[in-house]
C-alpha atoms as a PDB file:
ATOM      1  CA  MET A   1     -22.271  13.520  45.863  1.00  0.00           C
ATOM      2  CA  LYS A   2     -21.010  16.751  47.317  1.00  0.00           C
ATOM      3  CA  LEU A   3     -22.428  19.892  48.751  1.00  0.00           C
ATOM      4  CA  ILE A   4     -20.684  23.074  47.952  1.00  0.00           C
ATOM      5  CA  LEU A   5     -21.127  26.052  50.213  1.00  0.00           C
ATOM      6  CA  ALA A   6     -19.885  29.138  48.622  1.00  0.00           C
ATOM      7  CA  ILE A   7     -19.872  32.524  50.754  1.00  0.00           C
ATOM      8  CA  VAL A   8     -19.576  35.509  48.373  1.00  0.00           C
ATOM      9  CA  GLN A   9     -20.317  39.170  48.592  1.00  0.00           C
ATOM     10  CA  ASP A  10     -23.638  40.360  47.536  1.00  0.00           C
ATOM     11  CA  LYS A  11     -22.185  42.130  44.636  1.00  0.00           C
ATOM     12  CA  ASP A  12     -20.929  38.718  43.168  1.00  0.00           C
ATOM     13  CA  ALA A  13     -23.953  36.662  44.119  1.00  0.00           C
ATOM     14  CA  ASN A  14     -26.317  37.183  41.227  1.00  0.00           C
ATOM     15  CA  ARG A  15     -23.398  36.775  38.640  1.00  0.00           C
ATOM     16  CA  LEU A  16     -22.371  33.456  40.222  1.00  0.00           C
ATOM     17  CA  ALA A  17     -25.877  32.243  40.373  1.00  0.00           C
ATOM     18  CA  ASP A  18     -26.544  33.211  36.645  1.00  0.00           C
ATOM     19  CA  ALA A  19     -23.264  31.554  35.796  1.00  0.00           C
ATOM     20  CA  LEU A  20     -24.096  28.371  37.753  1.00  0.00           C
ATOM     21  CA  ALA A  21     -27.570  28.348  36.181  1.00  0.00           C
ATOM     22  CA  ASP A  22     -26.076  28.632  32.704  1.00  0.00           C
ATOM     23  CA  GLU A  23     -24.084  25.418  33.221  1.00  0.00           C
ATOM     24  CA  ASP A  24     -27.201  23.597  34.648  1.00  0.00           C
ATOM     25  CA  TYR A  25     -26.113  23.636  38.286  1.00  0.00           C
ATOM     26  CA  GLN A  26     -29.044  24.114  40.686  1.00  0.00           C
ATOM     27  CA  SER A  27     -28.254  26.231  43.720  1.00  0.00           C
ATOM     28  CA  THR A  28     -30.055  27.800  46.645  1.00  0.00           C
ATOM     29  CA  LYS A  29     -29.225  31.420  47.916  1.00  0.00           C
ATOM     30  CA  LEU A  30     -29.036  32.125  51.589  1.00  0.00           C
ATOM     31  CA  SER A  31     -28.641  35.817  53.000  1.00  0.00           C
ATOM     32  CA  SER A  32     -25.865  35.906  55.497  1.00  0.00           C
ATOM     33  CA  SER A  33     -23.634  38.589  57.002  1.00  0.00           C
ATOM     34  CA  GLY A  34     -19.876  38.747  57.317  1.00  0.00           C
ATOM     35  CA  GLY A  35     -17.890  39.171  60.531  1.00  0.00           C
ATOM     36  CA  PHE A  36     -15.011  41.488  59.666  1.00  0.00           C
ATOM     37  CA  LEU A  37     -16.626  44.230  57.576  1.00  0.00           C
ATOM     38  CA  LYS A  38     -20.166  43.529  59.034  1.00  0.00           C
ATOM     39  CA  GLU A  39     -21.562  43.616  55.420  1.00  0.00           C
ATOM     40  CA  GLY A  40     -24.219  41.464  53.800  1.00  0.00           C
ATOM     41  CA  ASN A  41     -23.043  38.542  51.813  1.00  0.00           C
ATOM     42  CA  THR A  42     -24.610  35.538  50.108  1.00  0.00           C
ATOM     43  CA  THR A  43     -24.208  31.744  50.925  1.00  0.00           C
ATOM     44  CA  LEU A  44     -24.987  29.548  47.850  1.00  0.00           C
ATOM     45  CA  MET A  45     -25.646  25.987  48.462  1.00  0.00           C
ATOM     46  CA  ILE A  46     -24.764  23.735  45.467  1.00  0.00           C
ATOM     47  CA  GLY A  47     -25.373  20.111  45.182  1.00  0.00           C
ATOM     48  CA  CYS A  48     -23.533  18.091  42.455  1.00  0.00           C
ATOM     49  CA  ASN A  49     -21.845  14.744  41.646  1.00  0.00           C
ATOM     50  CA  ASP A  50     -18.302  14.210  42.644  1.00  0.00           C
ATOM     51  CA  ASP A  51     -17.228  14.528  38.862  1.00  0.00           C
ATOM     52  CA  TYR A  52     -18.486  18.037  38.542  1.00  0.00           C
ATOM     53  CA  VAL A  53     -17.042  19.633  41.705  1.00  0.00           C
ATOM     54  CA  ASP A  54     -13.950  20.823  39.926  1.00  0.00           C
ATOM     55  CA  HIS A  55     -15.904  22.593  37.180  1.00  0.00           C
ATOM     56  CA  ALA A  56     -18.281  24.269  39.849  1.00  0.00           C
ATOM     57  CA  LEU A  57     -15.261  25.497  41.578  1.00  0.00           C
ATOM     58  CA  GLU A  58     -14.025  27.109  38.276  1.00  0.00           C
ATOM     59  CA  ILE A  59     -17.270  28.789  37.790  1.00  0.00           C
ATOM     60  CA  ILE A  60     -17.225  30.238  41.477  1.00  0.00           C
ATOM     61  CA  GLU A  61     -13.641  31.429  40.934  1.00  0.00           C
ATOM     62  CA  ASN A  62     -14.306  33.102  37.694  1.00  0.00           C
ATOM     63  CA  SER A  63     -17.474  34.807  38.911  1.00  0.00           C
ATOM     64  CA  CYS A  64     -16.282  36.169  42.244  1.00  0.00           C
ATOM     65  CA  SER A  65     -13.772  39.047  41.728  1.00  0.00           C
ATOM     66  CA  HIS A  66     -11.407  40.510  44.304  1.00  0.00           C
ATOM     67  CA  ARG A  67     -11.377  44.350  44.705  1.00  0.00           C
ATOM     68  CA  GLU A  68     -10.055  46.896  47.271  1.00  0.00           C
ATOM     69  CA  GLN A  69     -12.451  48.695  49.544  1.00  0.00           C
ATOM     70  CA  MET A  70     -11.760  51.538  51.991  1.00  0.00           C
ATOM     71  CA  VAL A  71     -12.709  50.921  55.627  1.00  0.00           C
ATOM     72  CA  ALA A  72     -12.591  52.952  58.726  1.00  0.00           C
ATOM     73  CA  PRO A  73     -10.917  51.127  61.633  1.00  0.00           C
ATOM     74  CA  ILE A  74     -12.689  50.516  64.764  1.00  0.00           C
ATOM     75  CA  SER A  75     -11.816  52.526  67.741  1.00  0.00           C
ATOM     76  CA  PRO A  76      -9.416  50.888  70.311  1.00  0.00           C
ATOM     77  CA  MET A  77     -11.292  48.829  72.926  1.00  0.00           C
ATOM     78  CA  GLY A  78     -11.030  50.575  76.418  1.00  0.00           C
ATOM     79  CA  GLY A  79      -8.986  53.316  74.889  1.00  0.00           C
ATOM     80  CA  ASN A  80      -9.899  57.116  74.833  1.00  0.00           C
ATOM     81  CA  ALA A  81     -12.151  57.548  71.703  1.00  0.00           C
ATOM     82  CA  ASP A  82     -11.519  61.330  71.941  1.00  0.00           C
ATOM     83  CA  SER A  83      -8.101  61.191  70.810  1.00  0.00           C
ATOM     84  CA  TYR A  84      -8.332  58.406  68.339  1.00  0.00           C
ATOM     85  CA  ILE A  85      -8.490  59.601  64.766  1.00  0.00           C
ATOM     86  CA  PRO A  86      -9.576  56.814  62.368  1.00  0.00           C
ATOM     87  CA  LYS A  87      -7.870  56.715  59.063  1.00  0.00           C
ATOM     88  CA  PRO A  88      -9.374  54.499  56.441  1.00  0.00           C
ATOM     89  CA  VAL A  89      -7.366  51.774  55.215  1.00  0.00           C
ATOM     90  CA  LYS A  90      -7.611  49.679  52.086  1.00  0.00           C
ATOM     91  CA  VAL A  91      -8.567  46.121  52.478  1.00  0.00           C
ATOM     92  CA  GLU A  92      -9.014  43.270  49.759  1.00  0.00           C
ATOM     93  CA  VAL A  93     -12.641  42.110  49.578  1.00  0.00           C
ATOM     94  CA  GLY A  94     -14.552  39.600  47.361  1.00  0.00           C
ATOM     95  CA  GLY A  95     -13.638  36.279  46.069  1.00  0.00           C
ATOM     96  CA  ALA A  96     -15.301  33.390  47.728  1.00  0.00           C
ATOM     97  CA  THR A  97     -14.926  31.238  50.749  1.00  0.00           C
ATOM     98  CA  VAL A  98     -15.737  27.698  49.616  1.00  0.00           C
ATOM     99  CA  PHE A  99     -16.506  24.445  51.579  1.00  0.00           C
ATOM    100  CA  VAL A 100     -16.976  21.173  49.828  1.00  0.00           C
ATOM    101  CA  LEU A 101     -18.794  18.648  52.001  1.00  0.00           C
ATOM    102  CA  PRO A 102     -19.707  14.934  51.410  1.00  0.00           C
ATOM    103  CA  VAL A 103     -23.287  14.221  51.156  1.00  0.00           C
ATOM    104  CA  GLU A 104     -24.407  10.769  52.700  1.00  0.00           C
ATOM    105  CA  ALA A 105     -28.025  11.095  51.335  1.00  0.00           C
ATOM    106  CA  PHE A 106     -30.106  13.402  49.231  1.00  0.00           C
ATOM    107  CA  HIS A 107     -34.066  13.390  49.422  1.00  0.00           C
ATOM    108  CA  GLN A 108     -36.222  15.688  47.523  1.00  0.00           C
ATOM    109  CA  PHE A 109     -40.114  15.581  48.495  1.00  0.00           C
END
């Protein structure tokens, strides 16, 4: 048995949860926040048998789209912020960060 941890943007979370439910995967959603853009994201915990991991990963890949987003850079640390003129830059966001972990035991009470 495996535990899949999928960290996705909030914009993709409901689409992914629905796609997983349509294929009879059970998942638990946890609110989380990202480090780089300081935006909310969602971590889904998905437990499945080893034979179904590849199928679950396909669902995750197909449900979480990449897109570009404009972000303003942070002012330089220790520098003079008065002369710093931030220019927004495009960064690629979205997709999923996925961890597949072995499960030694599973109990449901």
